[in-house]
Amino acid sequence: LMSFTKNLGKFEDDMRTLREKRTEPGWSFCEYFM
C-alpha cells in the first residue's frame, strides 16, 4: 500500500503536468486521454 500510494501520487503529478501543457504545440488529447 505504501509503494502503491507513492507511485499513484507520482502518476497523478505527471498527469497534471501533462494536462497543463495542453496549450503547447504538439499536445495530444488522445495521449492524455489514455
PDB file of all heavy atoms in Angstrom:
ATOM      1  N   LEU A   1       0.824  -1.201   0.000  1.00  0.00           N
ATOM      2  CA  LEU A   1       0.000   0.000   0.000  1.00  0.00           C
ATOM      3  C   LEU A   1       0.865   1.262   0.000  1.00  0.00           C
ATOM      4  O   LEU A   1       0.544   2.247  -0.676  1.00  0.00           O
ATOM      5  CB  LEU A   1      -0.926  -0.015   1.218  1.00  0.00           C
ATOM      6  CG  LEU A   1      -2.130   0.931   1.176  1.00  0.00           C
ATOM      7  CD1 LEU A   1      -2.953   0.700  -0.086  1.00  0.00           C
ATOM      8  CD2 LEU A   1      -2.998   0.742   2.408  1.00  0.00           C
ATOM      9  N   MET A   2       1.977   1.241   0.752  1.00  0.00           N
ATOM     10  CA  MET A   2       2.895   2.378   0.764  1.00  0.00           C
ATOM     11  C   MET A   2       3.456   2.632  -0.632  1.00  0.00           C
ATOM     12  O   MET A   2       3.477   3.776  -1.118  1.00  0.00           O
ATOM     13  CB  MET A   2       4.039   2.118   1.746  1.00  0.00           C
ATOM     14  CG  MET A   2       3.675   2.264   3.207  1.00  0.00           C
ATOM     15  SD  MET A   2       5.036   1.750   4.302  1.00  0.00           S
ATOM     16  CE  MET A   2       6.395   2.764   3.682  1.00  0.00           C
ATOM     17  N   SER A   3       3.919   1.569  -1.281  1.00  0.00           N
ATOM     18  CA  SER A   3       4.506   1.712  -2.612  1.00  0.00           C
ATOM     19  C   SER A   3       3.458   2.149  -3.631  1.00  0.00           C
ATOM     20  O   SER A   3       3.698   3.036  -4.455  1.00  0.00           O
ATOM     21  CB  SER A   3       5.146   0.389  -3.045  1.00  0.00           C
ATOM     22  OG  SER A   3       5.682   0.496  -4.341  1.00  0.00           O
ATOM     23  N   PHE A   4       2.284   1.533  -3.544  1.00  0.00           N
ATOM     24  CA  PHE A   4       1.219   1.880  -4.478  1.00  0.00           C
ATOM     25  C   PHE A   4       0.816   3.348  -4.336  1.00  0.00           C
ATOM     26  O   PHE A   4       0.678   4.072  -5.327  1.00  0.00           O
ATOM     27  CB  PHE A   4       0.005   0.979  -4.239  1.00  0.00           C
ATOM     28  CG  PHE A   4      -1.189   1.359  -5.064  1.00  0.00           C
ATOM     29  CD1 PHE A   4      -1.241   1.061  -6.419  1.00  0.00           C
ATOM     30  CD2 PHE A   4      -2.265   2.043  -4.509  1.00  0.00           C
ATOM     31  CE1 PHE A   4      -2.333   1.420  -7.198  1.00  0.00           C
ATOM     32  CE2 PHE A   4      -3.354   2.412  -5.269  1.00  0.00           C
ATOM     33  CZ  PHE A   4      -3.393   2.097  -6.617  1.00  0.00           C
ATOM     34  N   THR A   5       0.636   3.805  -3.096  1.00  0.00           N
ATOM     35  CA  THR A   5       0.223   5.185  -2.847  1.00  0.00           C
ATOM     36  C   THR A   5       1.274   6.169  -3.362  1.00  0.00           C
ATOM     37  O   THR A   5       0.950   7.196  -3.966  1.00  0.00           O
ATOM     38  CB  THR A   5      -0.025   5.414  -1.347  1.00  0.00           C
ATOM     39  OG1 THR A   5      -1.008   4.472  -0.882  1.00  0.00           O
ATOM     40  CG2 THR A   5      -0.507   6.824  -1.079  1.00  0.00           C
ATOM     41  N   LYS A   6       2.548   5.844  -3.121  1.00  0.00           N
ATOM     42  CA  LYS A   6       3.637   6.715  -3.580  1.00  0.00           C
ATOM     43  C   LYS A   6       3.659   6.797  -5.107  1.00  0.00           C
ATOM     44  O   LYS A   6       3.756   7.893  -5.683  1.00  0.00           O
ATOM     45  CB  LYS A   6       4.970   6.183  -3.061  1.00  0.00           C
ATOM     46  CG  LYS A   6       6.178   6.996  -3.504  1.00  0.00           C
ATOM     47  CD  LYS A   6       7.460   6.415  -2.947  1.00  0.00           C
ATOM     48  CE  LYS A   6       7.755   5.051  -3.527  1.00  0.00           C
ATOM     49  NZ  LYS A   6       9.025   4.486  -3.038  1.00  0.00           N
ATOM     50  N   ASN A   7       3.555   5.652  -5.770  1.00  0.00           N
ATOM     51  CA  ASN A   7       3.605   5.638  -7.232  1.00  0.00           C
ATOM     52  C   ASN A   7       2.339   6.232  -7.839  1.00  0.00           C
ATOM     53  O   ASN A   7       2.402   6.868  -8.902  1.00  0.00           O
ATOM     54  CB  ASN A   7       3.811   4.204  -7.729  1.00  0.00           C
ATOM     55  CG  ASN A   7       5.237   3.735  -7.534  1.00  0.00           C
ATOM     56  OD1 ASN A   7       6.149   4.186  -8.214  1.00  0.00           O
ATOM     57  ND2 ASN A   7       5.452   2.828  -6.601  1.00  0.00           N
ATOM     58  N   LEU A   8       1.207   6.043  -7.171  1.00  0.00           N
ATOM     59  CA  LEU A   8      -0.031   6.655  -7.648  1.00  0.00           C
ATOM     60  C   LEU A   8       0.075   8.178  -7.573  1.00  0.00           C
ATOM     61  O   LEU A   8      -0.338   8.890  -8.495  1.00  0.00           O
ATOM     62  CB  LEU A   8      -1.212   6.164  -6.815  1.00  0.00           C
ATOM     63  CG  LEU A   8      -2.574   6.775  -7.158  1.00  0.00           C
ATOM     64  CD1 LEU A   8      -2.982   6.423  -8.580  1.00  0.00           C
ATOM     65  CD2 LEU A   8      -3.635   6.304  -6.169  1.00  0.00           C
ATOM     66  N   GLY A   9       0.644   8.694  -6.471  1.00  0.00           N
ATOM     67  CA  GLY A   9       0.824  10.135  -6.327  1.00  0.00           C
ATOM     68  C   GLY A   9       1.708  10.705  -7.418  1.00  0.00           C
ATOM     69  O   GLY A   9       1.408  11.774  -7.977  1.00  0.00           O
ATOM     70  N   LYS A  10       2.798  10.002  -7.732  1.00  0.00           N
ATOM     71  CA  LYS A  10       3.692  10.468  -8.804  1.00  0.00           C
ATOM     72  C   LYS A  10       2.981  10.425 -10.155  1.00  0.00           C
ATOM     73  O   LYS A  10       3.142  11.332 -10.985  1.00  0.00           O
ATOM     74  CB  LYS A  10       4.953   9.592  -8.850  1.00  0.00           C
ATOM     75  CG  LYS A  10       5.996  10.085  -9.849  1.00  0.00           C
ATOM     76  CD  LYS A  10       7.232   9.229  -9.828  1.00  0.00           C
ATOM     77  CE  LYS A  10       8.313   9.808 -10.756  1.00  0.00           C
ATOM     78  NZ  LYS A  10       7.838  10.012 -12.138  1.00  0.00           N
ATOM     79  N   PHE A  11       2.189   9.373 -10.369  1.00  0.00           N
ATOM     80  CA  PHE A  11       1.440   9.257 -11.619  1.00  0.00           C
ATOM     81  C   PHE A  11       0.472  10.420 -11.771  1.00  0.00           C
ATOM     82  O   PHE A  11       0.357  11.024 -12.844  1.00  0.00           O
ATOM     83  CB  PHE A  11       0.679   7.927 -11.627  1.00  0.00           C
ATOM     84  CG  PHE A  11      -0.031   7.630 -12.913  1.00  0.00           C
ATOM     85  CD1 PHE A  11       0.612   6.969 -13.942  1.00  0.00           C
ATOM     86  CD2 PHE A  11      -1.359   8.009 -13.098  1.00  0.00           C
ATOM     87  CE1 PHE A  11      -0.047   6.687 -15.139  1.00  0.00           C
ATOM     88  CE2 PHE A  11      -2.019   7.743 -14.278  1.00  0.00           C
ATOM     89  CZ  PHE A  11      -1.362   7.079 -15.298  1.00  0.00           C
ATOM     90  N   GLU A  12      -0.218  10.780 -10.679  1.00  0.00           N
ATOM     91  CA  GLU A  12      -1.166  11.892 -10.724  1.00  0.00           C
ATOM     92  C   GLU A  12      -0.440  13.218 -10.964  1.00  0.00           C
ATOM     93  O   GLU A  12      -0.933  14.079 -11.702  1.00  0.00           O
ATOM     94  CB  GLU A  12      -1.966  11.951  -9.426  1.00  0.00           C
ATOM     95  CG  GLU A  12      -2.969  10.812  -9.277  1.00  0.00           C
ATOM     96  CD  GLU A  12      -3.730  10.863  -7.974  1.00  0.00           C
ATOM     97  OE1 GLU A  12      -3.085  11.015  -6.915  1.00  0.00           O
ATOM     98  OE2 GLU A  12      -4.975  10.743  -7.993  1.00  0.00           O
ATOM     99  N   ASP A  13       0.735  13.388 -10.340  1.00  0.00           N
ATOM    100  CA  ASP A  13       1.514  14.611 -10.557  1.00  0.00           C
ATOM    101  C   ASP A  13       1.941  14.731 -12.016  1.00  0.00           C
ATOM    102  O   ASP A  13       1.853  15.815 -12.621  1.00  0.00           O
ATOM    103  CB  ASP A  13       2.750  14.624  -9.650  1.00  0.00           C
ATOM    104  CG  ASP A  13       2.405  14.850  -8.190  1.00  0.00           C
ATOM    105  OD1 ASP A  13       1.289  15.328  -7.911  1.00  0.00           O
ATOM    106  OD2 ASP A  13       3.250  14.528  -7.329  1.00  0.00           O
ATOM    107  N   ASP A  14       2.429  13.614 -12.594  1.00  0.00           N
ATOM    108  CA  ASP A  14       2.848  13.619 -14.002  1.00  0.00           C
ATOM    109  C   ASP A  14       1.654  13.896 -14.922  1.00  0.00           C
ATOM    110  O   ASP A  14       1.800  14.579 -15.944  1.00  0.00           O
ATOM    111  CB  ASP A  14       3.482  12.273 -14.373  1.00  0.00           C
ATOM    112  CG  ASP A  14       4.823  12.059 -13.686  1.00  0.00           C
ATOM    113  OD1 ASP A  14       5.397  13.042 -13.179  1.00  0.00           O
ATOM    114  OD2 ASP A  14       5.289  10.905 -13.636  1.00  0.00           O
ATOM    115  N   MET A  15       0.498  13.356 -14.550  1.00  0.00           N
ATOM    116  CA  MET A  15      -0.709  13.574 -15.353  1.00  0.00           C
ATOM    117  C   MET A  15      -1.105  15.054 -15.333  1.00  0.00           C
ATOM    118  O   MET A  15      -1.465  15.632 -16.368  1.00  0.00           O
ATOM    119  CB  MET A  15      -1.850  12.705 -14.815  1.00  0.00           C
ATOM    120  CG  MET A  15      -3.123  12.767 -15.657  1.00  0.00           C
ATOM    121  SD  MET A  15      -4.480  11.856 -14.885  1.00  0.00           S
ATOM    122  CE  MET A  15      -4.952  13.043 -13.601  1.00  0.00           C
ATOM    123  N   ARG A  16      -1.034  15.687 -14.142  1.00  0.00           N
ATOM    124  CA  ARG A  16      -1.365  17.107 -14.051  1.00  0.00           C
ATOM    125  C   ARG A  16      -0.392  17.958 -14.859  1.00  0.00           C
ATOM    126  O   ARG A  16      -0.784  18.925 -15.515  1.00  0.00           O
ATOM    127  CB  ARG A  16      -1.370  17.545 -12.582  1.00  0.00           C
ATOM    128  CG  ARG A  16      -2.645  17.164 -11.833  1.00  0.00           C
ATOM    129  CD  ARG A  16      -2.688  17.815 -10.461  1.00  0.00           C
ATOM    130  NE  ARG A  16      -1.742  17.188  -9.540  1.00  0.00           N
ATOM    131  CZ  ARG A  16      -2.055  16.166  -8.758  1.00  0.00           C
ATOM    132  NH1 ARG A  16      -3.266  15.639  -8.791  1.00  0.00           N
ATOM    133  NH2 ARG A  16      -1.160  15.661  -7.927  1.00  0.00           N
ATOM    134  N   THR A  17       0.899  17.592 -14.817  1.00  0.00           N
ATOM    135  CA  THR A  17       1.902  18.310 -15.599  1.00  0.00           C
ATOM    136  C   THR A  17       1.605  18.212 -17.088  1.00  0.00           C
ATOM    137  O   THR A  17       1.708  19.201 -17.826  1.00  0.00           O
ATOM    138  CB  THR A  17       3.310  17.745 -15.306  1.00  0.00           C
ATOM    139  OG1 THR A  17       3.604  17.914 -13.913  1.00  0.00           O
ATOM    140  CG2 THR A  17       4.372  18.466 -16.125  1.00  0.00           C
ATOM    141  N   LEU A  18       1.200  17.018 -17.509  1.00  0.00           N
ATOM    142  CA  LEU A  18       0.854  16.815 -18.918  1.00  0.00           C
ATOM    143  C   LEU A  18      -0.375  17.626 -19.303  1.00  0.00           C
ATOM    144  O   LEU A  18      -0.420  18.220 -20.386  1.00  0.00           O
ATOM    145  CB  LEU A  18       0.607  15.322 -19.173  1.00  0.00           C
ATOM    146  CG  LEU A  18       0.274  14.902 -20.610  1.00  0.00           C
ATOM    147  CD1 LEU A  18       1.418  15.260 -21.553  1.00  0.00           C
ATOM    148  CD2 LEU A  18      -0.010  13.404 -20.672  1.00  0.00           C
ATOM    149  N   ARG A  19      -1.353  17.695 -18.419  1.00  0.00           N
ATOM    150  CA  ARG A  19      -2.575  18.456 -18.697  1.00  0.00           C
ATOM    151  C   ARG A  19      -2.286  19.948 -18.807  1.00  0.00           C
ATOM    152  O   ARG A  19      -2.875  20.652 -19.635  1.00  0.00           O
ATOM    153  CB  ARG A  19      -3.610  18.198 -17.607  1.00  0.00           C
ATOM    154  CG  ARG A  19      -4.957  18.894 -17.855  1.00  0.00           C
ATOM    155  CD  ARG A  19      -5.995  18.406 -16.868  1.00  0.00           C
ATOM    156  NE  ARG A  19      -5.576  18.627 -15.496  1.00  0.00           N
ATOM    157  CZ  ARG A  19      -5.994  17.891 -14.466  1.00  0.00           C
ATOM    158  NH1 ARG A  19      -6.813  16.872 -14.659  1.00  0.00           N
ATOM    159  NH2 ARG A  19      -5.583  18.155 -13.238  1.00  0.00           N
ATOM    160  N   GLU A  20      -1.361  20.450 -17.990  1.00  0.00           N
ATOM    161  CA  GLU A  20      -1.020  21.874 -18.011  1.00  0.00           C
ATOM    162  C   GLU A  20      -0.329  22.286 -19.309  1.00  0.00           C
ATOM    163  O   GLU A  20      -0.247  23.475 -19.622  1.00  0.00           O
ATOM    164  CB  GLU A  20      -0.134  22.204 -16.813  1.00  0.00           C
ATOM    165  CG  GLU A  20      -0.882  22.155 -15.474  1.00  0.00           C
ATOM    166  CD  GLU A  20       0.048  22.224 -14.277  1.00  0.00           C
ATOM    167  OE1 GLU A  20       1.286  22.289 -14.511  1.00  0.00           O
ATOM    168  OE2 GLU A  20      -0.435  22.207 -13.130  1.00  0.00           O
ATOM    169  N   LYS A  21       0.161  21.315 -20.060  1.00  0.00           N
ATOM    170  CA  LYS A  21       0.840  21.607 -21.322  1.00  0.00           C
ATOM    171  C   LYS A  21      -0.108  21.579 -22.516  1.00  0.00           C
ATOM    172  O   LYS A  21       0.330  21.602 -23.677  1.00  0.00           O
ATOM    173  CB  LYS A  21       1.976  20.602 -21.551  1.00  0.00           C
ATOM    174  CG  LYS A  21       3.105  20.689 -20.526  1.00  0.00           C
ATOM    175  CD  LYS A  21       4.196  19.668 -20.822  1.00  0.00           C
ATOM    176  CE  LYS A  21       5.338  19.777 -19.811  1.00  0.00           C
ATOM    177  NZ  LYS A  21       6.403  18.771 -20.081  1.00  0.00           N
ATOM    178  N   ARG A  22      -1.423  21.539 -22.245  1.00  0.00           N
ATOM    179  CA  ARG A  22      -2.392  21.335 -23.328  1.00  0.00           C
ATOM    180  C   ARG A  22      -2.449  22.492 -24.336  1.00  0.00           C
ATOM    181  O   ARG A  22      -2.981  22.319 -25.432  1.00  0.00           O
ATOM    182  CB  ARG A  22      -3.786  21.089 -22.755  1.00  0.00           C
ATOM    183  CG  ARG A  22      -4.357  22.214 -21.918  1.00  0.00           C
ATOM    184  CD  ARG A  22      -5.686  21.778 -21.266  1.00  0.00           C
ATOM    185  NE  ARG A  22      -6.299  22.824 -20.446  1.00  0.00           N
ATOM    186  CZ  ARG A  22      -5.982  23.054 -19.190  1.00  0.00           C
ATOM    187  NH1 ARG A  22      -5.028  22.315 -18.609  1.00  0.00           N
ATOM    188  NH2 ARG A  22      -6.588  24.000 -18.508  1.00  0.00           N
ATOM    189  N   THR A  23      -1.914  23.662 -23.955  1.00  0.00           N
ATOM    190  CA  THR A  23      -1.921  24.787 -24.898  1.00  0.00           C
ATOM    191  C   THR A  23      -0.657  24.816 -25.755  1.00  0.00           C
ATOM    192  O   THR A  23      -0.537  25.650 -26.652  1.00  0.00           O
ATOM    193  CB  THR A  23      -2.041  26.128 -24.143  1.00  0.00           C
ATOM    194  OG1 THR A  23      -0.952  26.239 -23.211  1.00  0.00           O
ATOM    195  CG2 THR A  23      -3.367  26.200 -23.387  1.00  0.00           C
ATOM    196  N   GLU A  24       0.268  23.903 -25.485  1.00  0.00           N
ATOM    197  CA  GLU A  24       1.519  23.893 -26.236  1.00  0.00           C
ATOM    198  C   GLU A  24       1.354  23.146 -27.558  1.00  0.00           C
ATOM    199  O   GLU A  24       0.542  22.216 -27.653  1.00  0.00           O
ATOM    200  CB  GLU A  24       2.631  23.252 -25.400  1.00  0.00           C
ATOM    201  CG  GLU A  24       2.950  24.011 -24.113  1.00  0.00           C
ATOM    202  CD  GLU A  24       4.058  23.346 -23.314  1.00  0.00           C
ATOM    203  OE1 GLU A  24       4.632  22.339 -23.813  1.00  0.00           O
ATOM    204  OE2 GLU A  24       4.361  23.820 -22.200  1.00  0.00           O
ATOM    205  N   PRO A  25       2.122  23.527 -28.588  1.00  0.00           N
ATOM    206  CA  PRO A  25       2.051  22.844 -29.885  1.00  0.00           C
ATOM    207  C   PRO A  25       2.431  21.358 -29.733  1.00  0.00           C
ATOM    208  O   PRO A  25       3.336  21.008 -28.987  1.00  0.00           O
ATOM    209  CB  PRO A  25       3.089  23.592 -30.738  1.00  0.00           C
ATOM    210  CG  PRO A  25       3.260  24.923 -30.059  1.00  0.00           C
ATOM    211  CD  PRO A  25       3.060  24.672 -28.598  1.00  0.00           C
ATOM    212  N   GLY A  26       1.694  20.511 -30.425  1.00  0.00           N
ATOM    213  CA  GLY A  26       2.018  19.091 -30.419  1.00  0.00           C
ATOM    214  C   GLY A  26       1.372  18.299 -29.304  1.00  0.00           C
ATOM    215  O   GLY A  26       1.521  17.068 -29.240  1.00  0.00           O
ATOM    216  N   TRP A  27       0.656  18.993 -28.399  1.00  0.00           N
ATOM    217  CA  TRP A  27      -0.017  18.289 -27.292  1.00  0.00           C
ATOM    218  C   TRP A  27      -1.146  17.431 -27.854  1.00  0.00           C
ATOM    219  O   TRP A  27      -1.932  17.880 -28.701  1.00  0.00           O
ATOM    220  CB  TRP A  27      -0.569  19.299 -26.298  1.00  0.00           C
ATOM    221  CG  TRP A  27      -1.043  18.689 -24.998  1.00  0.00           C
ATOM    222  CD1 TRP A  27      -0.305  18.447 -23.891  1.00  0.00           C
ATOM    223  CD2 TRP A  27      -2.383  18.292 -24.681  1.00  0.00           C
ATOM    224  NE1 TRP A  27      -1.084  17.901 -22.898  1.00  0.00           N
ATOM    225  CE2 TRP A  27      -2.378  17.790 -23.352  1.00  0.00           C
ATOM    226  CE3 TRP A  27      -3.592  18.284 -25.385  1.00  0.00           C
ATOM    227  CZ2 TRP A  27      -3.518  17.307 -22.718  1.00  0.00           C
ATOM    228  CZ3 TRP A  27      -4.739  17.804 -24.749  1.00  0.00           C
ATOM    229  CH2 TRP A  27      -4.688  17.320 -23.442  1.00  0.00           C
ATOM    230  N   SER A  28      -1.236  16.195 -27.409  1.00  0.00           N
ATOM    231  CA  SER A  28      -2.227  15.261 -27.953  1.00  0.00           C
ATOM    232  C   SER A  28      -3.282  14.923 -26.910  1.00  0.00           C
ATOM    233  O   SER A  28      -2.962  14.381 -25.847  1.00  0.00           O
ATOM    234  CB  SER A  28      -1.528  13.981 -28.418  1.00  0.00           C
ATOM    235  OG  SER A  28      -2.466  12.957 -28.709  1.00  0.00           O
ATOM    236  N   PHE A  29      -4.539  15.233 -27.225  1.00  0.00           N
ATOM    237  CA  PHE A  29      -5.620  14.867 -26.318  1.00  0.00           C
ATOM    238  C   PHE A  29      -5.731  13.350 -26.201  1.00  0.00           C
ATOM    239  O   PHE A  29      -6.014  12.814 -25.123  1.00  0.00           O
ATOM    240  CB  PHE A  29      -6.953  15.450 -26.805  1.00  0.00           C
ATOM    241  CG  PHE A  29      -8.127  15.023 -25.948  1.00  0.00           C
ATOM    242  CD1 PHE A  29      -8.400  15.664 -24.746  1.00  0.00           C
ATOM    243  CD2 PHE A  29      -8.939  13.965 -26.333  1.00  0.00           C
ATOM    244  CE1 PHE A  29      -9.462  15.257 -23.940  1.00  0.00           C
ATOM    245  CE2 PHE A  29     -10.002  13.561 -25.540  1.00  0.00           C
ATOM    246  CZ  PHE A  29     -10.268  14.209 -24.337  1.00  0.00           C
ATOM    247  N   CYS A  30      -5.522  12.654 -27.313  1.00  0.00           N
ATOM    248  CA  CYS A  30      -5.635  11.190 -27.295  1.00  0.00           C
ATOM    249  C   CYS A  30      -4.603  10.577 -26.345  1.00  0.00           C
ATOM    250  O   CYS A  30      -4.918   9.649 -25.583  1.00  0.00           O
ATOM    251  CB  CYS A  30      -5.449  10.630 -28.703  1.00  0.00           C
ATOM    252  SG  CYS A  30      -6.798  11.057 -29.832  1.00  0.00           S
ATOM    253  N   GLU A  31      -3.388  11.098 -26.373  1.00  0.00           N
ATOM    254  CA  GLU A  31      -2.350  10.602 -25.472  1.00  0.00           C
ATOM    255  C   GLU A  31      -2.723  10.882 -24.022  1.00  0.00           C
ATOM    256  O   GLU A  31      -2.590  10.020 -23.149  1.00  0.00           O
ATOM    257  CB  GLU A  31      -1.007  11.246 -25.801  1.00  0.00           C
ATOM    258  CG  GLU A  31       0.134  10.789 -24.888  1.00  0.00           C
ATOM    259  CD  GLU A  31       1.440  11.500 -25.190  1.00  0.00           C
ATOM    260  OE1 GLU A  31       1.570  12.076 -26.289  1.00  0.00           O
ATOM    261  OE2 GLU A  31       2.327  11.487 -24.310  1.00  0.00           O
ATOM    262  N   TYR A  32      -3.219  12.086 -23.786  1.00  0.00           N
ATOM    263  CA  TYR A  32      -3.604  12.440 -22.425  1.00  0.00           C
ATOM    264  C   TYR A  32      -4.793  11.593 -21.959  1.00  0.00           C
ATOM    265  O   TYR A  32      -4.859  11.172 -20.800  1.00  0.00           O
ATOM    266  CB  TYR A  32      -3.973  13.922 -22.339  1.00  0.00           C
ATOM    267  CG  TYR A  32      -4.452  14.311 -20.965  1.00  0.00           C
ATOM    268  CD1 TYR A  32      -3.542  14.525 -19.928  1.00  0.00           C
ATOM    269  CD2 TYR A  32      -5.814  14.408 -20.680  1.00  0.00           C
ATOM    270  CE1 TYR A  32      -3.971  14.842 -18.650  1.00  0.00           C
ATOM    271  CE2 TYR A  32      -6.256  14.729 -19.411  1.00  0.00           C
ATOM    272  CZ  TYR A  32      -5.336  14.935 -18.396  1.00  0.00           C
ATOM    273  OH  TYR A  32      -5.771  15.231 -17.137  1.00  0.00           O
ATOM    274  N   PHE A  33      -5.731  11.331 -22.859  1.00  0.00           N
ATOM    275  CA  PHE A  33      -6.900  10.515 -22.526  1.00  0.00           C
ATOM    276  C   PHE A  33      -6.465   9.145 -22.013  1.00  0.00           C
ATOM    277  O   PHE A  33      -7.011   8.639 -21.010  1.00  0.00           O
ATOM    278  CB  PHE A  33      -7.790  10.350 -23.762  1.00  0.00           C
ATOM    279  CG  PHE A  33      -9.020   9.503 -23.516  1.00  0.00           C
ATOM    280  CD1 PHE A  33     -10.214  10.094 -23.138  1.00  0.00           C
ATOM    281  CD2 PHE A  33      -8.970   8.123 -23.661  1.00  0.00           C
ATOM    282  CE1 PHE A  33     -11.342   9.325 -22.897  1.00  0.00           C
ATOM    283  CE2 PHE A  33     -10.096   7.343 -23.416  1.00  0.00           C
ATOM    284  CZ  PHE A  33     -11.287   7.949 -23.041  1.00  0.00           C
ATOM    285  N   MET A  34      -5.483   8.532 -22.673  1.00  0.00           N
ATOM    286  CA  MET A  34      -5.013   7.203 -22.274  1.00  0.00           C
ATOM    287  C   MET A  34      -4.422   7.223 -20.864  1.00  0.00           C
ATOM    288  O   MET A  34      -4.584   6.284 -20.084  1.00  0.00           O
ATOM    289  CB  MET A  34      -3.970   6.693 -23.269  1.00  0.00           C
ATOM    290  CG  MET A  34      -4.503   6.522 -24.677  1.00  0.00           C
ATOM    291  SD  MET A  34      -5.792   5.267 -24.805  1.00  0.00           S
ATOM    292  CE  MET A  34      -4.810   3.789 -24.577  1.00  0.00           C
TER     293      MET A  34
END
